[in-house]
Amino acid sequence: MKKNSVFVSIVIIAAFIAAVLIYMFLFGAASHFNDPLTKEHPSDTMGIIYTGGIIVPLLLMLTIMVFTFIIERFFSLAKAKGTGDMNKFLHNVDTQLNAGNLDAAVDLCGKQRGTVANILRAGLEDFKELKAAGHLDAERKIAEVKRTMEEATMIETPLLERNLVGLSTIASIATMVGLLGTVLGMIRSFRALGEQGAASATGLSIGISEALVNTAFGIFAAIIAIVFYNFFTTKVDSYIYTVDEACLNLVETLNDRYLGKGDYA
């Protein structure tokens, strides 16, 4: 978890620096304004975004963070899946256990890697140690295997859910940050109207359109964050369900083999 905290801190700092640079040198480039010196009369969309005000870099930072977390989650969940087809792996483990090849099942877990394989391997290795010790009865050995896999699941689950809180937080605040930028822009526009009089109605319209850039940016970041938060949450739930089902099947197989034919006694 400490490693992830460092990662999040680096992402925040890097996203802020990148957002400021993009705002100043991309959106704020002189070529995007009719008056390059004052940068008050944008000639294209990028110039309009620049005139959105100081909230724009913050919204850019949130957007960059969203895409960074999305990329990280894709890589992490792909790694959690393991190196091979999950259904084939579970079938092969079950086949080896039913054949009495406990060591072969452990080797399969080592080759597969990933969340499910790590949890099953922890349970199988614990069962091997208990089998070798021989000082516990069958019921207590199975209970100990369950406890070991539950502990392994508690370790693996946070890795699956890592940075989802960040996506959820950005989804919640991005729209509000955008609205804050819009309100500040509206205040600035109406103040200019009060100073210049009704003749500046055109300027007011331009100012309002510039202010609404913040709302658009905020909504965009929130939509992306919400969509991928729900996508990754569904994926994590699927992994957890697979873990529960695999652990249950493993316990049942060990229990049947041990209490029935006694091949592991």
Protein backbone atom coordinates (compact mmCIF):
# COMPACT_ATOMS: atom_id res chain seq x y z
CA MET A 1 0.00 0.00 0.00
CA LYS A 2 2.93 2.31 0.72
CA LYS A 3 4.19 1.71 -2.81
CA ASN A 4 0.80 2.70 -4.20
CA SER A 5 0.77 5.88 -2.10
CA VAL A 6 4.09 6.84 -3.65
CA PHE A 7 2.68 6.06 -7.10
CA VAL A 8 -0.40 8.24 -6.51
CA SER A 9 1.77 11.10 -5.22
CA ILE A 10 3.97 10.92 -8.31
CA VAL A 11 0.89 10.85 -10.56
CA ILE A 12 -0.58 13.94 -8.87
CA ILE A 13 2.67 15.92 -9.13
CA ALA A 14 3.38 14.83 -12.70
CA ALA A 15 -0.22 15.50 -13.78
CA PHE A 16 -0.12 18.99 -12.27
CA ILE A 17 3.15 19.86 -14.00
CA ALA A 18 1.93 18.45 -17.31
CA ALA A 19 -1.39 20.30 -17.00
CA VAL A 20 0.31 23.65 -16.36
CA LEU A 21 2.69 23.16 -19.28
CA ILE A 22 -0.14 22.16 -21.62
CA TYR A 23 -2.23 25.12 -20.50
CA MET A 24 0.57 27.65 -20.89
CA PHE A 25 2.38 26.44 -24.00
CA LEU A 26 -0.26 24.54 -25.98
CA PHE A 27 -3.57 26.23 -25.29
CA GLY A 28 -1.83 29.54 -24.54
CA ALA A 29 0.27 29.63 -27.70
CA ALA A 30 0.21 33.01 -29.46
CA SER A 31 -1.08 31.43 -32.67
CA HIS A 32 -4.45 30.78 -31.00
CA PHE A 33 -5.22 34.49 -30.46
CA ASN A 34 -6.00 37.49 -32.64
CA ASP A 35 -4.13 39.60 -30.12
CA PRO A 36 -1.08 37.52 -29.15
CA LEU A 37 0.12 40.03 -26.56
CA THR A 38 -3.00 40.24 -24.38
CA LYS A 39 -4.39 36.78 -25.26
CA GLU A 40 -7.92 38.11 -24.84
CA HIS A 41 -9.36 37.44 -28.30
CA PRO A 42 -9.08 33.71 -29.10
CA SER A 43 -9.16 32.68 -32.73
CA ASP A 44 -9.84 28.97 -32.26
CA THR A 45 -11.00 26.36 -29.75
CA MET A 46 -7.65 26.05 -27.99
CA GLY A 47 -7.58 29.77 -27.41
CA ILE A 48 -11.12 29.64 -25.99
CA ILE A 49 -10.05 26.85 -23.61
CA TYR A 50 -7.09 28.98 -22.47
CA THR A 51 -9.38 31.88 -21.63
CA GLY A 52 -11.39 29.55 -19.37
CA GLY A 53 -9.19 30.75 -16.51
CA ILE A 54 -7.07 29.25 -13.75
CA ILE A 55 -9.46 26.32 -13.18
CA VAL A 56 -8.58 24.86 -16.59
CA PRO A 57 -5.15 23.54 -15.46
CA LEU A 58 -6.82 21.84 -12.50
CA LEU A 59 -9.34 20.17 -14.80
CA LEU A 60 -6.52 19.15 -17.11
CA MET A 61 -4.73 17.62 -14.14
CA LEU A 62 -7.83 15.61 -13.17
CA THR A 63 -8.23 14.42 -16.77
CA ILE A 64 -4.60 13.31 -16.98
CA MET A 65 -4.96 11.49 -13.66
CA VAL A 66 -8.07 9.69 -14.92
CA PHE A 67 -6.28 8.36 -18.00
CA THR A 68 -3.22 7.42 -15.94
CA PHE A 69 -5.32 5.41 -13.49
CA ILE A 70 -7.17 3.77 -16.39
CA ILE A 71 -3.92 2.64 -18.02
CA GLU A 72 -2.57 1.39 -14.68
CA ARG A 73 -5.74 -0.59 -13.99
CA PHE A 74 -5.66 -2.25 -17.41
CA PHE A 75 -2.08 -3.43 -16.86
CA SER A 76 -2.69 -4.50 -13.25
CA LEU A 77 -5.86 -6.48 -14.01
CA ALA A 78 -4.18 -8.12 -16.99
CA LYS A 79 -1.36 -9.17 -14.66
CA ALA A 80 -3.87 -10.38 -12.06
CA LYS A 81 -5.46 -12.65 -14.67
CA GLY A 82 -2.23 -14.60 -15.05
CA THR A 83 -0.34 -15.94 -18.03
CA GLY A 84 -2.88 -18.37 -19.45
CA ASP A 85 -6.58 -19.04 -19.89
CA MET A 86 -8.22 -19.04 -16.46
CA ASN A 87 -10.78 -21.76 -17.13
CA LYS A 88 -8.16 -24.07 -18.60
CA PHE A 89 -5.88 -23.44 -15.63
CA LEU A 90 -8.60 -24.26 -13.08
CA HIS A 91 -9.53 -27.39 -15.01
CA ASN A 92 -5.90 -28.57 -15.09
CA VAL A 93 -5.46 -27.95 -11.35
CA ASP A 94 -8.62 -29.90 -10.60
CA THR A 95 -7.45 -32.73 -12.86
CA GLN A 96 -4.08 -32.96 -11.13
CA LEU A 97 -5.66 -32.93 -7.68
CA ASN A 98 -8.12 -35.66 -8.60
CA ALA A 99 -5.18 -37.68 -9.91
CA GLY A 100 -3.36 -37.22 -6.61
CA ASN A 101 -0.62 -35.03 -8.12
CA LEU A 102 -0.41 -32.32 -5.48
CA ASP A 103 3.04 -31.14 -6.53
CA ALA A 104 1.94 -30.85 -10.16
CA ALA A 105 -1.02 -28.67 -9.09
CA VAL A 106 1.35 -26.38 -7.16
CA ASP A 107 3.62 -26.13 -10.21
CA LEU A 108 0.64 -25.17 -12.37
CA CYS A 109 -0.14 -22.32 -9.97
CA GLY A 110 3.47 -21.15 -10.14
CA LYS A 111 3.38 -21.09 -13.93
CA GLN A 112 0.00 -19.40 -14.16
CA ARG A 113 0.67 -16.65 -11.61
CA GLY A 114 -1.96 -13.96 -11.05
CA THR A 115 -4.48 -13.47 -8.26
CA VAL A 116 -6.36 -16.77 -8.42
CA ALA A 117 -3.19 -18.83 -8.88
CA ASN A 118 -1.45 -17.12 -5.96
CA ILE A 119 -4.36 -17.83 -3.63
CA LEU A 120 -4.69 -21.47 -4.69
CA ARG A 121 -0.95 -21.97 -4.40
CA ALA A 122 -0.97 -20.62 -0.84
CA GLY A 123 -3.71 -23.10 0.07
CA LEU A 124 -2.00 -26.05 -1.63
CA GLU A 125 1.41 -25.34 -0.12
CA ASP A 126 -0.16 -25.05 3.32
CA PHE A 127 -1.95 -28.35 2.77
CA LYS A 128 1.36 -29.98 1.81
CA GLU A 129 2.96 -28.77 5.04
CA LEU A 130 0.04 -29.97 7.13
CA LYS A 131 0.06 -33.30 5.35
CA ALA A 132 3.76 -33.73 6.06
CA ALA A 133 3.35 -32.72 9.71
CA GLY A 134 0.49 -35.15 10.27
CA HIS A 135 -0.41 -33.88 13.75
CA LEU A 136 -3.86 -32.52 12.82
CA ASP A 137 -6.99 -34.42 11.92
CA ALA A 138 -8.61 -34.02 8.51
CA GLU A 139 -11.22 -31.48 9.60
CA ARG A 140 -8.64 -29.17 11.16
CA LYS A 141 -6.36 -29.44 8.13
CA ILE A 142 -9.15 -28.37 5.81
CA ALA A 143 -10.04 -25.51 8.17
CA GLU A 144 -6.41 -24.38 8.19
CA VAL A 145 -6.31 -24.42 4.38
CA LYS A 146 -9.44 -22.28 4.28
CA ARG A 147 -7.88 -19.80 6.70
CA THR A 148 -4.70 -19.61 4.63
CA MET A 149 -6.60 -18.91 1.41
CA GLU A 150 -8.76 -16.30 3.15
CA GLU A 151 -5.61 -14.50 4.29
CA ALA A 152 -4.17 -14.70 0.78
CA THR A 153 -7.44 -13.29 -0.59
CA MET A 154 -7.26 -10.39 1.86
CA ILE A 155 -3.78 -9.60 0.51
CA GLU A 156 -4.71 -9.91 -3.16
CA THR A 157 -8.06 -8.07 -3.12
CA PRO A 158 -6.64 -4.58 -2.36
CA LEU A 159 -4.33 -5.00 -5.35
CA LEU A 160 -7.38 -5.54 -7.56
CA GLU A 161 -9.17 -2.49 -6.14
CA ARG A 162 -6.14 -0.19 -6.12
CA ASN A 163 -6.74 3.35 -7.49
CA LEU A 164 -10.47 2.75 -7.96
CA VAL A 165 -11.00 5.21 -5.12
CA GLY A 166 -9.08 7.77 -7.16
CA LEU A 167 -11.34 7.26 -10.16
CA SER A 168 -14.41 7.48 -7.94
CA THR A 169 -13.19 10.69 -6.31
CA ILE A 170 -12.43 12.36 -9.62
CA ALA A 171 -15.82 11.28 -10.97
CA SER A 172 -17.44 13.00 -7.97
CA ILE A 173 -15.53 16.28 -7.99
CA ALA A 174 -14.68 16.93 -11.65
CA THR A 175 -18.11 18.34 -12.53
CA MET A 176 -18.11 20.53 -9.41
CA VAL A 177 -14.65 21.86 -10.20
CA GLY A 178 -15.88 22.64 -13.71
CA LEU A 179 -18.89 24.47 -12.33
CA LEU A 180 -16.60 26.46 -10.04
CA GLY A 181 -14.63 27.58 -13.08
CA THR A 182 -17.86 28.49 -14.86
CA VAL A 183 -19.09 30.57 -11.93
CA LEU A 184 -15.79 32.42 -11.72
CA GLY A 185 -15.95 33.06 -15.46
CA MET A 186 -19.52 34.34 -15.22
CA ILE A 187 -18.56 36.68 -12.40
CA ARG A 188 -15.72 38.03 -14.51
CA SER A 189 -17.98 38.46 -17.55
CA PHE A 190 -20.74 40.32 -15.70
CA ARG A 191 -18.20 42.53 -13.99
CA ALA A 192 -16.83 43.46 -17.40
CA LEU A 193 -20.39 44.15 -18.60
CA GLY A 194 -20.98 46.46 -15.65
CA GLU A 195 -17.81 48.38 -16.37
CA GLN A 196 -18.33 48.67 -20.14
CA GLY A 197 -22.11 48.99 -20.39
CA ALA A 198 -24.73 47.36 -22.62
CA ALA A 199 -22.61 47.90 -25.71
CA SER A 200 -20.49 44.96 -24.56
CA ALA A 201 -23.25 42.38 -25.03
CA THR A 202 -21.14 40.60 -27.63
CA GLY A 203 -18.23 40.53 -25.23
CA LEU A 204 -20.53 39.12 -22.56
CA SER A 205 -21.58 36.28 -24.86
CA ILE A 206 -17.96 35.47 -25.60
CA GLY A 207 -17.15 35.56 -21.90
CA ILE A 208 -20.00 33.17 -21.09
CA SER A 209 -18.89 30.74 -23.80
CA GLU A 210 -15.38 30.84 -22.35
CA ALA A 211 -16.72 30.18 -18.86
CA LEU A 212 -18.70 27.17 -20.06
CA VAL A 213 -15.45 25.58 -21.22
CA ASN A 214 -14.84 24.68 -17.59
CA THR A 215 -18.18 22.90 -17.34
CA ALA A 216 -17.48 20.94 -20.53
CA PHE A 217 -14.05 19.92 -19.29
CA GLY A 218 -15.41 18.87 -15.92
CA ILE A 219 -18.24 16.82 -17.43
CA PHE A 220 -15.81 15.13 -19.83
CA ALA A 221 -13.46 14.07 -17.02
CA ALA A 222 -16.38 12.89 -14.87
CA ILE A 223 -17.93 10.82 -17.66
CA ILE A 224 -14.65 9.05 -18.43
CA ALA A 225 -14.01 8.40 -14.73
CA ILE A 226 -17.53 7.05 -14.09
CA VAL A 227 -17.53 4.76 -17.13
CA PHE A 228 -14.17 3.18 -16.34
CA TYR A 229 -14.82 3.04 -12.59
CA ASN A 230 -17.92 0.94 -13.27
CA PHE A 231 -16.02 -1.14 -15.85
CA PHE A 232 -13.15 -1.92 -13.48
CA THR A 233 -15.50 -2.53 -10.54
CA THR A 234 -17.31 -5.13 -12.62
CA LYS A 235 -13.99 -6.75 -13.56
CA VAL A 236 -12.89 -6.86 -9.92
CA ASP A 237 -16.20 -8.40 -8.85
CA SER A 238 -15.73 -11.03 -11.55
CA TYR A 239 -12.22 -11.82 -10.26
CA ILE A 240 -13.45 -12.08 -6.68
CA TYR A 241 -16.26 -14.40 -7.75
CA THR A 242 -13.72 -16.56 -9.60
CA VAL A 243 -11.51 -16.63 -6.51
CA ASP A 244 -14.40 -17.70 -4.26
CA GLU A 245 -15.48 -20.41 -6.69
CA ALA A 246 -11.93 -21.71 -7.17
CA CYS A 247 -11.27 -21.80 -3.42
CA LEU A 248 -14.54 -23.63 -2.80
CA ASN A 249 -13.75 -26.20 -5.49
CA LEU A 250 -10.25 -26.68 -4.10
CA VAL A 251 -11.50 -27.24 -0.56
CA GLU A 252 -14.16 -29.67 -1.76
CA THR A 253 -11.61 -31.61 -3.81
CA LEU A 254 -9.13 -31.83 -0.95
CA ASN A 255 -11.89 -32.72 1.48
CA ASP A 256 -13.28 -35.48 -0.75
CA ARG A 257 -9.87 -36.92 -1.47
CA TYR A 258 -8.72 -36.74 2.13
CA LEU A 259 -11.84 -37.85 3.97
CA GLY A 260 -12.89 -40.28 1.26
CA LYS A 261 -10.13 -42.32 -0.30
CA GLY A 262 -7.49 -40.89 1.96
CA ASP A 263 -4.95 -40.39 -0.83
CA TYR A 264 -3.41 -37.46 1.04
CA ALA A 265 -3.35 -39.05 4.44
